Amino acid sequence: MIVLAGTDFHGYKPAFEALAVGARREKADLIVVCGDITNFGTKEQAETLLRTLAEAGIPVFFVPGNCDPPSLMEINLKGVTCIHGSGAVLGGLVFLGVGGSPITPFNTFFEMSENEIAKILDRCLNNIGGVHGRSIVLASHSPPKNTRTDRTFMGMHVGSSSIRSFIEKHKPLLTICGHIHEAKGKDLIDSSLIVNPGPARQGNYAIIYINEDGLNVELKTIKL
């Protein structure tokens, strides 16, 4: 399976257009969007932007970010699935999702306590039921705490402790995240790979190859 992953678009339509082209070029089987689709925008704006990706003819799974209104969970577009608090199965893998972010100092649209995040992750598992860790791909807006993918310019680790606990317990094959723009990169929690593609608003995305031999991730940047 080939997955194109993007995050932190912040309402920039050229980024959606470029990733749609990239997904076709890479012959992707799936596009995963890890939030901040809009920049404090509306559900209607998000629908327009996600439709741009869907027009590539490739399934789109997404979660909203902290700069998106929670109403994005109500989006109903052909070929586009919100997996926040639930999940979807494709190619023998189970994709689970948690959007929003832990509480920030900035009072953004979609923030939750760590307890709320943990409950959403539990709901994901309950909705899917009985999945093995190595068949799970987690799409989260927030990165797990204390990794290369959650470190700010100031050196602070601001990811989610609940997401980290979920990864430590259930050992998903892969976690795709975003939120911390400057923390583009990869890391491991035990054997679970964590990928922050970097902000799509600046042309960043990831191509992820998943097969019986494991994972290969390429972090890419295109000029917008």
N, C-alpha and C. Protein backbone atom coordinates (compact mmCIF):
# COMPACT_ATOMS: atom_id res chain seq x y z
N MET A 1 0.84 -1.19 0.00
CA MET A 1 0.00 0.00 0.00
C MET A 1 0.88 1.24 0.00
N ILE A 2 0.45 2.24 -0.75
CA ILE A 2 1.14 3.52 -0.79
C ILE A 2 0.21 4.58 -0.20
N VAL A 3 0.68 5.26 0.84
CA VAL A 3 -0.11 6.30 1.52
C VAL A 3 0.59 7.64 1.35
N LEU A 4 -0.15 8.64 0.90
CA LEU A 4 0.35 10.01 0.93
C LEU A 4 -0.25 10.69 2.15
N ALA A 5 0.59 11.27 2.99
CA ALA A 5 0.13 11.91 4.22
C ALA A 5 0.48 13.39 4.22
N GLY A 6 -0.51 14.20 4.59
CA GLY A 6 -0.29 15.64 4.71
C GLY A 6 -1.00 16.19 5.93
N THR A 7 -0.50 17.29 6.44
CA THR A 7 -1.07 17.89 7.64
C THR A 7 -0.79 19.39 7.64
N ASP A 8 -1.55 20.12 8.41
CA ASP A 8 -1.30 21.55 8.62
C ASP A 8 -1.28 22.34 7.31
N PHE A 9 -2.41 22.25 6.62
CA PHE A 9 -2.61 23.02 5.38
C PHE A 9 -2.98 24.47 5.69
N HIS A 10 -3.69 24.67 6.76
CA HIS A 10 -4.12 26.00 7.21
C HIS A 10 -4.82 26.78 6.10
N GLY A 11 -5.72 26.07 5.40
CA GLY A 11 -6.59 26.71 4.43
C GLY A 11 -5.96 27.08 3.11
N TYR A 12 -4.74 26.65 2.85
CA TYR A 12 -4.01 27.07 1.65
C TYR A 12 -4.33 26.13 0.49
N LYS A 13 -5.20 26.57 -0.39
CA LYS A 13 -5.69 25.70 -1.46
C LYS A 13 -4.59 25.17 -2.36
N PRO A 14 -3.57 25.98 -2.74
CA PRO A 14 -2.51 25.41 -3.58
C PRO A 14 -1.84 24.17 -2.98
N ALA A 15 -1.81 24.07 -1.65
CA ALA A 15 -1.23 22.88 -1.03
C ALA A 15 -2.10 21.65 -1.29
N PHE A 16 -3.41 21.82 -1.22
CA PHE A 16 -4.32 20.71 -1.54
C PHE A 16 -4.18 20.31 -3.00
N GLU A 17 -4.11 21.28 -3.87
CA GLU A 17 -3.97 20.99 -5.30
C GLU A 17 -2.67 20.25 -5.58
N ALA A 18 -1.59 20.69 -4.96
CA ALA A 18 -0.29 20.05 -5.19
C ALA A 18 -0.27 18.62 -4.66
N LEU A 19 -0.87 18.39 -3.50
CA LEU A 19 -0.88 17.04 -2.95
C LEU A 19 -1.78 16.11 -3.74
N ALA A 20 -2.85 16.64 -4.32
CA ALA A 20 -3.69 15.81 -5.19
C ALA A 20 -2.89 15.35 -6.40
N VAL A 21 -2.13 16.27 -6.98
CA VAL A 21 -1.27 15.91 -8.12
C VAL A 21 -0.22 14.90 -7.67
N GLY A 22 0.39 15.14 -6.51
CA GLY A 22 1.41 14.23 -6.01
C GLY A 22 0.87 12.84 -5.73
N ALA A 23 -0.35 12.75 -5.22
CA ALA A 23 -0.95 11.45 -4.93
C ALA A 23 -1.17 10.65 -6.21
N ARG A 24 -1.60 11.33 -7.26
CA ARG A 24 -1.76 10.63 -8.54
C ARG A 24 -0.41 10.21 -9.10
N ARG A 25 0.56 11.09 -9.01
CA ARG A 25 1.89 10.78 -9.54
C ARG A 25 2.51 9.59 -8.81
N GLU A 26 2.32 9.54 -7.51
CA GLU A 26 2.90 8.46 -6.69
C GLU A 26 2.07 7.18 -6.74
N LYS A 27 0.92 7.26 -7.42
CA LYS A 27 -0.01 6.12 -7.49
C LYS A 27 -0.42 5.68 -6.08
N ALA A 28 -0.75 6.66 -5.25
CA ALA A 28 -1.15 6.39 -3.87
C ALA A 28 -2.48 5.65 -3.82
N ASP A 29 -2.59 4.76 -2.84
CA ASP A 29 -3.84 4.05 -2.58
C ASP A 29 -4.73 4.81 -1.61
N LEU A 30 -4.14 5.74 -0.86
CA LEU A 30 -4.87 6.45 0.19
C LEU A 30 -4.18 7.77 0.47
N ILE A 31 -4.99 8.79 0.77
CA ILE A 31 -4.49 10.07 1.27
C ILE A 31 -4.95 10.23 2.71
N VAL A 32 -4.01 10.49 3.62
CA VAL A 32 -4.33 10.72 5.03
C VAL A 32 -4.03 12.17 5.37
N VAL A 33 -5.03 12.85 5.92
CA VAL A 33 -4.90 14.26 6.30
C VAL A 33 -5.01 14.36 7.82
N CYS A 34 -3.97 14.90 8.45
CA CYS A 34 -3.91 14.91 9.92
C CYS A 34 -4.21 16.28 10.52
N GLY A 35 -5.17 16.97 9.95
CA GLY A 35 -5.71 18.14 10.63
C GLY A 35 -5.16 19.48 10.21
N ASP A 36 -5.74 20.53 10.80
CA ASP A 36 -5.54 21.92 10.40
C ASP A 36 -5.73 22.08 8.90
N ILE A 37 -6.89 21.58 8.49
CA ILE A 37 -7.33 21.71 7.10
C ILE A 37 -7.61 23.17 6.80
N THR A 38 -8.28 23.84 7.74
CA THR A 38 -8.55 25.27 7.62
C THR A 38 -7.67 26.04 8.61
N ASN A 39 -7.74 27.35 8.52
CA ASN A 39 -7.06 28.20 9.49
C ASN A 39 -8.13 28.99 10.24
N PHE A 40 -8.77 28.30 11.21
CA PHE A 40 -9.90 28.85 11.95
C PHE A 40 -11.05 29.17 10.99
N GLY A 41 -11.26 28.22 10.06
CA GLY A 41 -12.29 28.40 9.05
C GLY A 41 -13.58 27.69 9.41
N THR A 42 -14.35 27.37 8.38
CA THR A 42 -15.67 26.78 8.56
C THR A 42 -15.72 25.38 7.97
N LYS A 43 -16.77 24.68 8.32
CA LYS A 43 -17.02 23.37 7.73
C LYS A 43 -17.12 23.47 6.22
N GLU A 44 -17.79 24.51 5.73
CA GLU A 44 -17.97 24.67 4.28
C GLU A 44 -16.63 24.90 3.58
N GLN A 45 -15.75 25.66 4.20
CA GLN A 45 -14.42 25.85 3.62
C GLN A 45 -13.65 24.54 3.58
N ALA A 46 -13.75 23.77 4.65
CA ALA A 46 -13.06 22.48 4.69
C ALA A 46 -13.59 21.54 3.62
N GLU A 47 -14.89 21.54 3.41
CA GLU A 47 -15.47 20.69 2.37
C GLU A 47 -14.90 21.03 1.00
N THR A 48 -14.79 22.31 0.71
CA THR A 48 -14.23 22.74 -0.58
C THR A 48 -12.79 22.26 -0.72
N LEU A 49 -12.01 22.40 0.33
CA LEU A 49 -10.60 22.01 0.27
C LEU A 49 -10.43 20.50 0.18
N LEU A 50 -11.19 19.75 0.95
CA LEU A 50 -11.10 18.29 0.89
C LEU A 50 -11.59 17.75 -0.44
N ARG A 51 -12.56 18.43 -1.02
CA ARG A 51 -13.04 18.01 -2.34
C ARG A 51 -11.91 18.07 -3.38
N THR A 52 -11.02 19.03 -3.23
CA THR A 52 -9.87 19.14 -4.12
C THR A 52 -9.03 17.87 -4.08
N LEU A 53 -8.83 17.32 -2.87
CA LEU A 53 -8.10 16.06 -2.76
C LEU A 53 -8.90 14.90 -3.31
N ALA A 54 -10.19 14.86 -2.99
CA ALA A 54 -11.04 13.74 -3.42
C ALA A 54 -11.10 13.64 -4.93
N GLU A 55 -10.95 14.77 -5.62
CA GLU A 55 -11.01 14.76 -7.08
C GLU A 55 -9.84 14.02 -7.71
N ALA A 56 -8.84 13.66 -6.90
CA ALA A 56 -7.75 12.81 -7.39
C ALA A 56 -8.22 11.38 -7.62
N GLY A 57 -9.43 11.05 -7.11
CA GLY A 57 -9.96 9.70 -7.28
C GLY A 57 -9.35 8.69 -6.33
N ILE A 58 -8.79 9.16 -5.23
CA ILE A 58 -8.13 8.33 -4.23
C ILE A 58 -8.84 8.54 -2.89
N PRO A 59 -9.13 7.47 -2.13
CA PRO A 59 -9.81 7.67 -0.84
C PRO A 59 -9.04 8.61 0.08
N VAL A 60 -9.78 9.41 0.83
CA VAL A 60 -9.20 10.36 1.77
C VAL A 60 -9.72 10.05 3.18
N PHE A 61 -8.82 9.80 4.12
CA PHE A 61 -9.16 9.70 5.54
C PHE A 61 -8.60 10.93 6.23
N PHE A 62 -9.40 11.54 7.13
CA PHE A 62 -8.90 12.74 7.79
C PHE A 62 -9.35 12.82 9.23
N VAL A 63 -8.61 13.63 9.99
CA VAL A 63 -9.05 14.09 11.31
C VAL A 63 -8.93 15.61 11.31
N PRO A 64 -9.78 16.31 12.07
CA PRO A 64 -9.64 17.76 12.20
C PRO A 64 -8.48 18.12 13.12
N GLY A 65 -7.95 19.32 12.94
CA GLY A 65 -6.91 19.81 13.83
C GLY A 65 -7.45 20.80 14.84
N ASN A 66 -6.58 21.34 15.65
CA ASN A 66 -7.03 22.30 16.66
C ASN A 66 -7.45 23.64 16.04
N CYS A 67 -7.02 23.91 14.82
CA CYS A 67 -7.43 25.14 14.12
C CYS A 67 -8.66 24.92 13.24
N ASP A 68 -9.27 23.75 13.36
CA ASP A 68 -10.51 23.43 12.64
C ASP A 68 -11.68 23.38 13.61
N PRO A 69 -12.88 23.75 13.17
CA PRO A 69 -14.04 23.57 14.04
C PRO A 69 -14.40 22.09 14.15
N PRO A 70 -14.86 21.63 15.31
CA PRO A 70 -15.27 20.23 15.45
C PRO A 70 -16.36 19.81 14.48
N SER A 71 -17.07 20.76 13.89
CA SER A 71 -18.13 20.43 12.92
C SER A 71 -17.59 19.71 11.70
N LEU A 72 -16.26 19.70 11.51
CA LEU A 72 -15.71 18.95 10.38
C LEU A 72 -16.04 17.47 10.48
N MET A 73 -16.33 17.00 11.69
CA MET A 73 -16.69 15.59 11.86
C MET A 73 -18.00 15.26 11.17
N GLU A 74 -18.78 16.28 10.80
CA GLU A 74 -20.07 16.07 10.13
C GLU A 74 -19.95 16.09 8.61
N ILE A 75 -18.75 16.28 8.09
CA ILE A 75 -18.57 16.36 6.64
C ILE A 75 -18.98 15.05 5.99
N ASN A 76 -19.73 15.17 4.91
CA ASN A 76 -20.19 14.00 4.16
C ASN A 76 -19.89 14.23 2.68
N LEU A 77 -18.72 13.79 2.26
CA LEU A 77 -18.30 13.91 0.88
C LEU A 77 -17.94 12.54 0.34
N LYS A 78 -18.28 12.29 -0.90
CA LYS A 78 -17.94 11.02 -1.53
C LYS A 78 -16.42 10.85 -1.55
N GLY A 79 -15.97 9.71 -1.06
CA GLY A 79 -14.55 9.40 -1.06
C GLY A 79 -13.76 9.99 0.09
N VAL A 80 -14.45 10.70 1.01
CA VAL A 80 -13.79 11.36 2.14
C VAL A 80 -14.40 10.84 3.44
N THR A 81 -13.55 10.38 4.36
CA THR A 81 -14.02 9.79 5.62
C THR A 81 -13.32 10.43 6.80
N CYS A 82 -14.09 10.96 7.73
CA CYS A 82 -13.53 11.44 9.00
C CYS A 82 -13.38 10.25 9.94
N ILE A 83 -12.17 10.00 10.42
CA ILE A 83 -11.94 8.84 11.28
C ILE A 83 -11.68 9.26 12.74
N HIS A 84 -11.98 10.50 13.08
CA HIS A 84 -11.84 10.94 14.47
C HIS A 84 -12.78 10.13 15.37
N GLY A 85 -12.22 9.46 16.35
CA GLY A 85 -13.02 8.69 17.29
C GLY A 85 -13.56 7.40 16.72
N SER A 86 -13.12 7.04 15.54
CA SER A 86 -13.61 5.80 14.93
C SER A 86 -12.47 5.22 14.10
N GLY A 87 -12.79 4.69 12.96
CA GLY A 87 -11.75 4.11 12.14
C GLY A 87 -12.31 3.60 10.83
N ALA A 88 -11.41 3.12 10.00
CA ALA A 88 -11.79 2.57 8.70
C ALA A 88 -10.74 1.53 8.31
N VAL A 89 -11.17 0.55 7.56
CA VAL A 89 -10.29 -0.54 7.14
C VAL A 89 -9.99 -0.40 5.66
N LEU A 90 -8.73 -0.51 5.32
CA LEU A 90 -8.31 -0.46 3.92
C LEU A 90 -7.04 -1.27 3.77
N GLY A 91 -7.03 -2.14 2.77
CA GLY A 91 -5.83 -2.90 2.46
C GLY A 91 -5.31 -3.75 3.60
N GLY A 92 -6.22 -4.27 4.42
CA GLY A 92 -5.81 -5.11 5.53
C GLY A 92 -5.31 -4.35 6.75
N LEU A 93 -5.36 -3.02 6.70
CA LEU A 93 -4.94 -2.19 7.83
C LEU A 93 -6.13 -1.47 8.42
N VAL A 94 -6.06 -1.19 9.71
CA VAL A 94 -7.11 -0.46 10.41
C VAL A 94 -6.59 0.94 10.72
N PHE A 95 -7.23 1.94 10.16
CA PHE A 95 -6.84 3.33 10.36
C PHE A 95 -7.73 3.94 11.44
N LEU A 96 -7.12 4.34 12.54
CA LEU A 96 -7.82 4.97 13.65
C LEU A 96 -7.44 6.44 13.70
N GLY A 97 -8.33 7.28 14.25
CA GLY A 97 -8.06 8.71 14.23
C GLY A 97 -8.44 9.45 15.49
N VAL A 98 -7.61 10.43 15.83
CA VAL A 98 -7.95 11.38 16.90
C VAL A 98 -7.46 12.76 16.47
N GLY A 99 -8.40 13.69 16.39
CA GLY A 99 -8.07 15.05 15.97
C GLY A 99 -7.89 15.98 17.14
N GLY A 100 -7.94 17.28 16.85
CA GLY A 100 -7.77 18.27 17.88
C GLY A 100 -6.38 18.24 18.48
N SER A 101 -6.24 18.83 19.66
CA SER A 101 -4.95 18.85 20.33
C SER A 101 -5.16 18.91 21.84
N PRO A 102 -4.11 18.63 22.60
CA PRO A 102 -4.19 18.94 24.03
C PRO A 102 -4.40 20.44 24.24
N ILE A 103 -4.74 20.82 25.44
CA ILE A 103 -5.00 22.22 25.77
C ILE A 103 -3.75 23.06 25.47
N THR A 104 -3.95 24.19 24.78
CA THR A 104 -2.86 25.11 24.46
C THR A 104 -3.11 26.45 25.16
N PRO A 105 -2.12 27.33 25.16
CA PRO A 105 -2.34 28.67 25.73
C PRO A 105 -3.14 29.59 24.80
N PHE A 106 -3.51 29.09 23.61
CA PHE A 106 -4.03 29.97 22.57
C PHE A 106 -5.54 29.89 22.36
N ASN A 107 -6.21 29.02 23.11
CA ASN A 107 -7.67 28.93 23.04
C ASN A 107 -8.15 28.71 21.61
N THR A 108 -7.60 27.68 20.96
CA THR A 108 -7.96 27.39 19.58
C THR A 108 -9.27 26.60 19.51
N PHE A 109 -9.72 26.33 18.28
CA PHE A 109 -11.06 25.79 18.05
C PHE A 109 -11.32 24.44 18.70
N PHE A 110 -10.33 23.54 18.68
CA PHE A 110 -10.60 22.15 19.03
C PHE A 110 -9.48 21.63 19.93
N GLU A 111 -9.68 21.84 21.24
CA GLU A 111 -8.71 21.39 22.24
C GLU A 111 -9.40 20.48 23.25
N MET A 112 -8.65 19.52 23.77
CA MET A 112 -9.22 18.55 24.71
C MET A 112 -8.23 18.27 25.83
N SER A 113 -8.75 17.85 26.95
CA SER A 113 -7.89 17.37 28.03
C SER A 113 -7.28 16.03 27.63
N GLU A 114 -6.21 15.66 28.32
CA GLU A 114 -5.60 14.35 28.05
C GLU A 114 -6.59 13.22 28.35
N ASN A 115 -7.42 13.40 29.35
CA ASN A 115 -8.42 12.39 29.66
C ASN A 115 -9.41 12.22 28.51
N GLU A 116 -9.82 13.33 27.90
CA GLU A 116 -10.73 13.25 26.76
C GLU A 116 -10.07 12.56 25.58
N ILE A 117 -8.80 12.88 25.33
CA ILE A 117 -8.08 12.23 24.23
C ILE A 117 -8.00 10.72 24.46
N ALA A 118 -7.70 10.31 25.69
CA ALA A 118 -7.63 8.88 26.01
C ALA A 118 -8.96 8.19 25.77
N LYS A 119 -10.05 8.85 26.13
CA LYS A 119 -11.38 8.26 25.91
C LYS A 119 -11.68 8.11 24.43
N ILE A 120 -11.27 9.08 23.62
CA ILE A 120 -11.50 8.98 22.18
C ILE A 120 -10.71 7.82 21.59
N LEU A 121 -9.48 7.64 22.03
CA LEU A 121 -8.68 6.52 21.55
C LEU A 121 -9.30 5.19 21.95
N ASP A 122 -9.82 5.10 23.16
CA ASP A 122 -10.53 3.88 23.58
C ASP A 122 -11.75 3.64 22.71
N ARG A 123 -12.46 4.73 22.38
CA ARG A 123 -13.65 4.59 21.53
C ARG A 123 -13.27 4.08 20.15
N CYS A 124 -12.13 4.54 19.64
CA CYS A 124 -11.65 4.02 18.35
C CYS A 124 -11.55 2.51 18.37
N LEU A 125 -10.89 1.99 19.40
CA LEU A 125 -10.70 0.55 19.50
C LEU A 125 -12.03 -0.18 19.67
N ASN A 126 -12.92 0.38 20.47
CA ASN A 126 -14.22 -0.25 20.68
C ASN A 126 -15.04 -0.28 19.40
N ASN A 127 -14.94 0.78 18.61
CA ASN A 127 -15.70 0.84 17.36
C ASN A 127 -15.20 -0.15 16.32
N ILE A 128 -13.91 -0.41 16.35
CA ILE A 128 -13.35 -1.37 15.38
C ILE A 128 -13.39 -2.78 15.95
N GLY A 129 -12.91 -2.94 17.18
CA GLY A 129 -13.03 -4.21 17.87
C GLY A 129 -11.96 -5.23 17.52
N GLY A 130 -11.20 -5.62 18.52
CA GLY A 130 -10.32 -6.77 18.41
C GLY A 130 -9.21 -6.69 17.39
N VAL A 131 -8.63 -5.52 17.18
CA VAL A 131 -7.57 -5.42 16.19
C VAL A 131 -6.22 -5.61 16.85
N HIS A 132 -5.30 -6.16 16.09
CA HIS A 132 -3.94 -6.37 16.57
C HIS A 132 -3.12 -5.11 16.30
N GLY A 133 -2.23 -4.79 17.21
CA GLY A 133 -1.46 -3.56 17.11
C GLY A 133 -0.76 -3.36 15.78
N ARG A 134 -0.14 -4.41 15.25
CA ARG A 134 0.65 -4.25 14.03
C ARG A 134 -0.21 -4.08 12.80
N SER A 135 -1.53 -4.14 12.96
CA SER A 135 -2.41 -3.83 11.83
C SER A 135 -2.99 -2.43 11.94
N ILE A 136 -2.58 -1.67 12.99
CA ILE A 136 -3.15 -0.35 13.24
C ILE A 136 -2.26 0.75 12.68
N VAL A 137 -2.89 1.70 11.98
CA VAL A 137 -2.25 2.97 11.64
C VAL A 137 -3.06 4.06 12.33
N LEU A 138 -2.40 4.84 13.17
CA LEU A 138 -3.07 5.92 13.90
C LEU A 138 -2.81 7.25 13.20
N ALA A 139 -3.89 7.96 12.89
CA ALA A 139 -3.78 9.32 12.35
C ALA A 139 -4.19 10.28 13.46
N SER A 140 -3.26 11.09 13.92
CA SER A 140 -3.56 12.03 15.00
C SER A 140 -3.03 13.41 14.62
N HIS A 141 -3.77 14.45 15.02
CA HIS A 141 -3.23 15.78 14.77
C HIS A 141 -2.05 16.04 15.70
N SER A 142 -2.22 15.76 16.95
CA SER A 142 -1.14 15.97 17.91
C SER A 142 -0.14 14.82 17.85
N PRO A 143 1.14 15.12 17.95
CA PRO A 143 2.13 14.05 18.06
C PRO A 143 2.16 13.49 19.48
N PRO A 144 2.74 12.31 19.64
CA PRO A 144 2.95 11.79 20.99
C PRO A 144 4.03 12.59 21.72
N LYS A 145 3.90 12.66 23.02
CA LYS A 145 4.81 13.47 23.83
C LYS A 145 6.21 12.86 23.90
N ASN A 146 7.19 13.74 24.01
CA ASN A 146 8.59 13.36 24.22
C ASN A 146 9.16 12.55 23.06
N THR A 147 8.98 13.08 21.87
CA THR A 147 9.56 12.49 20.67
C THR A 147 10.16 13.62 19.83
N ARG A 148 10.84 13.24 18.76
CA ARG A 148 11.35 14.25 17.83
C ARG A 148 10.22 15.00 17.12
N THR A 149 9.03 14.41 17.13
CA THR A 149 7.92 14.97 16.36
C THR A 149 7.07 15.96 17.15
N ASP A 150 7.43 16.24 18.40
CA ASP A 150 6.61 17.17 19.20
C ASP A 150 7.45 18.28 19.84
N ARG A 151 8.67 18.44 19.37
CA ARG A 151 9.59 19.40 20.00
C ARG A 151 9.50 20.76 19.31
N THR A 152 9.25 21.80 20.09
CA THR A 152 9.13 23.15 19.55
C THR A 152 10.52 23.77 19.34
N PHE A 153 10.52 24.95 18.69
CA PHE A 153 11.77 25.68 18.51
C PHE A 153 12.46 25.96 19.84
N MET A 154 11.67 26.11 20.89
CA MET A 154 12.22 26.41 22.21
C MET A 154 12.70 25.17 22.95
N GLY A 155 12.55 23.99 22.30
CA GLY A 155 13.01 22.76 22.91
C GLY A 155 12.01 22.09 23.83
N MET A 156 10.79 22.62 23.87
CA MET A 156 9.76 22.03 24.73
C MET A 156 9.04 20.91 24.00
N HIS A 157 8.70 19.84 24.73
CA HIS A 157 7.92 18.74 24.18
C HIS A 157 6.46 18.98 24.54
N VAL A 158 5.63 19.21 23.52
CA VAL A 158 4.25 19.65 23.77
C VAL A 158 3.21 18.69 23.17
N GLY A 159 3.63 17.46 22.90
CA GLY A 159 2.70 16.47 22.37
C GLY A 159 1.78 15.91 23.45
N SER A 160 1.03 14.92 23.05
CA SER A 160 0.01 14.33 23.92
C SER A 160 0.55 13.11 24.67
N SER A 161 0.43 13.15 25.99
CA SER A 161 0.83 11.99 26.80
C SER A 161 -0.13 10.83 26.60
N SER A 162 -1.40 11.11 26.32
CA SER A 162 -2.37 10.04 26.10
C SER A 162 -2.10 9.30 24.80
N ILE A 163 -1.71 10.04 23.78
CA ILE A 163 -1.36 9.39 22.51
C ILE A 163 -0.11 8.54 22.70
N ARG A 164 0.85 9.05 23.43
CA ARG A 164 2.04 8.25 23.70
C ARG A 164 1.69 6.97 24.45
N SER A 165 0.84 7.08 25.46
CA SER A 165 0.44 5.89 26.23
C SER A 165 -0.27 4.87 25.35
N PHE A 166 -1.11 5.35 24.45
CA PHE A 166 -1.80 4.46 23.51
C PHE A 166 -0.79 3.71 22.66
N ILE A 167 0.21 4.42 22.16
CA ILE A 167 1.22 3.79 21.31
C ILE A 167 2.02 2.76 22.11
N GLU A 168 2.41 3.12 23.32
CA GLU A 168 3.18 2.20 24.15
C GLU A 168 2.39 0.93 24.46
N LYS A 169 1.09 1.07 24.66
CA LYS A 169 0.26 -0.08 25.03
C LYS A 169 -0.10 -0.93 23.82
N HIS A 170 -0.52 -0.30 22.74
CA HIS A 170 -1.09 -1.05 21.61
C HIS A 170 -0.12 -1.25 20.45
N LYS A 171 0.99 -0.54 20.45
CA LYS A 171 2.07 -0.73 19.49
C LYS A 171 1.59 -0.73 18.03
N PRO A 172 0.94 0.35 17.60
CA PRO A 172 0.53 0.43 16.20
C PRO A 172 1.73 0.38 15.27
N LEU A 173 1.48 -0.08 14.08
CA LEU A 173 2.53 -0.12 13.07
C LEU A 173 3.10 1.28 12.83
N LEU A 174 2.20 2.26 12.78
CA LEU A 174 2.57 3.61 12.33
C LEU A 174 1.64 4.63 12.97
N THR A 175 2.19 5.78 13.35
CA THR A 175 1.40 6.94 13.74
C THR A 175 1.80 8.11 12.85
N ILE A 176 0.81 8.73 12.21
CA ILE A 176 1.04 9.91 11.39
C ILE A 176 0.45 11.10 12.15
N CYS A 177 1.21 12.17 12.29
CA CYS A 177 0.77 13.30 13.10
C CYS A 177 1.20 14.61 12.46
N GLY A 178 1.02 15.70 13.19
CA GLY A 178 1.38 17.02 12.70
C GLY A 178 1.45 17.99 13.86
N HIS A 179 0.76 19.14 13.70
CA HIS A 179 0.55 20.13 14.78
C HIS A 179 1.79 20.98 15.06
N ILE A 180 2.93 20.35 15.30
CA ILE A 180 4.15 21.09 15.59
C ILE A 180 4.94 21.24 14.29
N HIS A 181 4.79 22.40 13.66
CA HIS A 181 5.31 22.60 12.31
C HIS A 181 6.82 22.36 12.23
N GLU A 182 7.55 22.82 13.24
CA GLU A 182 9.00 22.75 13.19
C GLU A 182 9.54 21.37 13.51
N ALA A 183 8.66 20.43 13.87
CA ALA A 183 9.10 19.10 14.30
C ALA A 183 8.93 18.06 13.19
N LYS A 184 9.04 18.50 11.95
CA LYS A 184 9.01 17.56 10.82
C LYS A 184 10.07 16.48 11.04
N GLY A 185 9.66 15.22 10.86
CA GLY A 185 10.64 14.16 11.00
C GLY A 185 10.01 12.84 11.41
N LYS A 186 10.87 11.92 11.84
CA LYS A 186 10.47 10.57 12.22
C LYS A 186 11.07 10.21 13.57
N ASP A 187 10.42 9.29 14.25
CA ASP A 187 10.93 8.77 15.51
C ASP A 187 10.31 7.41 15.76
N LEU A 188 10.78 6.74 16.79
CA LEU A 188 10.23 5.45 17.20
C LEU A 188 9.82 5.50 18.66
N ILE A 189 8.70 4.85 18.96
CA ILE A 189 8.35 4.49 20.33
C ILE A 189 8.32 2.98 20.35
N ASP A 190 9.31 2.38 20.99
CA ASP A 190 9.53 0.94 20.87
C ASP A 190 9.66 0.61 19.38
N SER A 191 8.80 -0.23 18.85
CA SER A 191 8.90 -0.58 17.43
C SER A 191 7.92 0.19 16.56
N SER A 192 7.19 1.13 17.15
CA SER A 192 6.16 1.87 16.41
C SER A 192 6.76 3.14 15.80
N LEU A 193 6.59 3.29 14.50
CA LEU A 193 7.14 4.44 13.79
C LEU A 193 6.20 5.64 13.92
N ILE A 194 6.77 6.81 14.18
CA ILE A 194 6.03 8.06 14.27
C ILE A 194 6.51 8.96 13.14
N VAL A 195 5.58 9.55 12.39
CA VAL A 195 5.94 10.42 11.26
C VAL A 195 5.19 11.73 11.36
N ASN A 196 5.92 12.84 11.36
CA ASN A 196 5.35 14.17 11.21
C ASN A 196 5.83 14.71 9.87
N PRO A 197 4.95 14.77 8.86
CA PRO A 197 5.40 15.17 7.52
C PRO A 197 5.85 16.62 7.42
N GLY A 198 5.54 17.45 8.42
CA GLY A 198 5.77 18.88 8.31
C GLY A 198 4.59 19.55 7.64
N PRO A 199 4.47 20.86 7.76
CA PRO A 199 3.28 21.56 7.28
C PRO A 199 3.12 21.53 5.76
N ALA A 200 1.97 21.04 5.31
CA ALA A 200 1.66 21.06 3.88
C ALA A 200 1.59 22.49 3.37
N ARG A 201 1.26 23.43 4.24
CA ARG A 201 1.22 24.85 3.87
C ARG A 201 2.53 25.31 3.26
N GLN A 202 3.61 24.62 3.58
CA GLN A 202 4.93 24.93 3.05
C GLN A 202 5.41 23.88 2.05
N GLY A 203 4.47 23.06 1.57
CA GLY A 203 4.81 22.09 0.53
C GLY A 203 5.30 20.75 1.03
N ASN A 204 5.17 20.48 2.32
CA ASN A 204 5.67 19.23 2.88
C ASN A 204 4.61 18.12 2.85
N TYR A 205 5.05 16.91 2.65
CA TYR A 205 4.18 15.74 2.75
C TYR A 205 5.05 14.50 2.91
N ALA A 206 4.42 13.37 3.16
CA ALA A 206 5.14 12.11 3.29
C ALA A 206 4.54 11.08 2.34
N ILE A 207 5.40 10.26 1.77
CA ILE A 207 4.97 9.06 1.04
C ILE A 207 5.39 7.86 1.87
N ILE A 208 4.42 7.02 2.16
CA ILE A 208 4.64 5.88 3.05
C ILE A 208 4.31 4.60 2.30
N TYR A 209 5.29 3.72 2.22
CA TYR A 209 5.11 2.43 1.55
C TYR A 209 4.97 1.36 2.64
N ILE A 210 3.86 0.65 2.60
CA ILE A 210 3.58 -0.38 3.60
C ILE A 210 3.40 -1.71 2.87
N ASN A 211 4.22 -2.69 3.24
CA ASN A 211 4.06 -4.03 2.66
C ASN A 211 4.45 -5.07 3.70
N GLU A 212 4.49 -6.32 3.27
CA GLU A 212 4.75 -7.40 4.22
C GLU A 212 6.15 -7.32 4.82
N ASP A 213 7.04 -6.59 4.17
CA ASP A 213 8.41 -6.45 4.69
C ASP A 213 8.55 -5.30 5.68
N GLY A 214 7.51 -4.48 5.81
CA GLY A 214 7.57 -3.37 6.76
C GLY A 214 7.20 -2.04 6.15
N LEU A 215 7.90 -0.99 6.59
CA LEU A 215 7.57 0.38 6.22
C LEU A 215 8.77 1.07 5.59
N ASN A 216 8.47 1.94 4.64
CA ASN A 216 9.49 2.86 4.13
C ASN A 216 8.83 4.22 3.99
N VAL A 217 9.43 5.24 4.57
CA VAL A 217 8.84 6.57 4.59
C VAL A 217 9.79 7.55 3.91
N GLU A 218 9.25 8.33 2.99
CA GLU A 218 10.00 9.40 2.34
C GLU A 218 9.33 10.73 2.67
N LEU A 219 10.08 11.64 3.29
CA LEU A 219 9.59 12.98 3.56
C LEU A 219 9.96 13.87 2.38
N LYS A 220 8.96 14.53 1.82
CA LYS A 220 9.17 15.28 0.59
C LYS A 220 8.68 16.72 0.74
N THR A 221 9.22 17.59 -0.11
CA THR A 221 8.78 18.98 -0.17
C THR A 221 8.68 19.39 -1.62
N ILE A 222 7.55 20.03 -1.96
CA ILE A 222 7.37 20.54 -3.31
C ILE A 222 7.17 22.04 -3.24
N LYS A 223 7.55 22.72 -4.31
CA LYS A 223 7.39 24.17 -4.38
C LYS A 223 5.94 24.50 -4.71
N LEU A 224 5.35 25.36 -3.92
CA LEU A 224 3.95 25.75 -4.12
C LEU A 224 3.88 27.08 -4.86
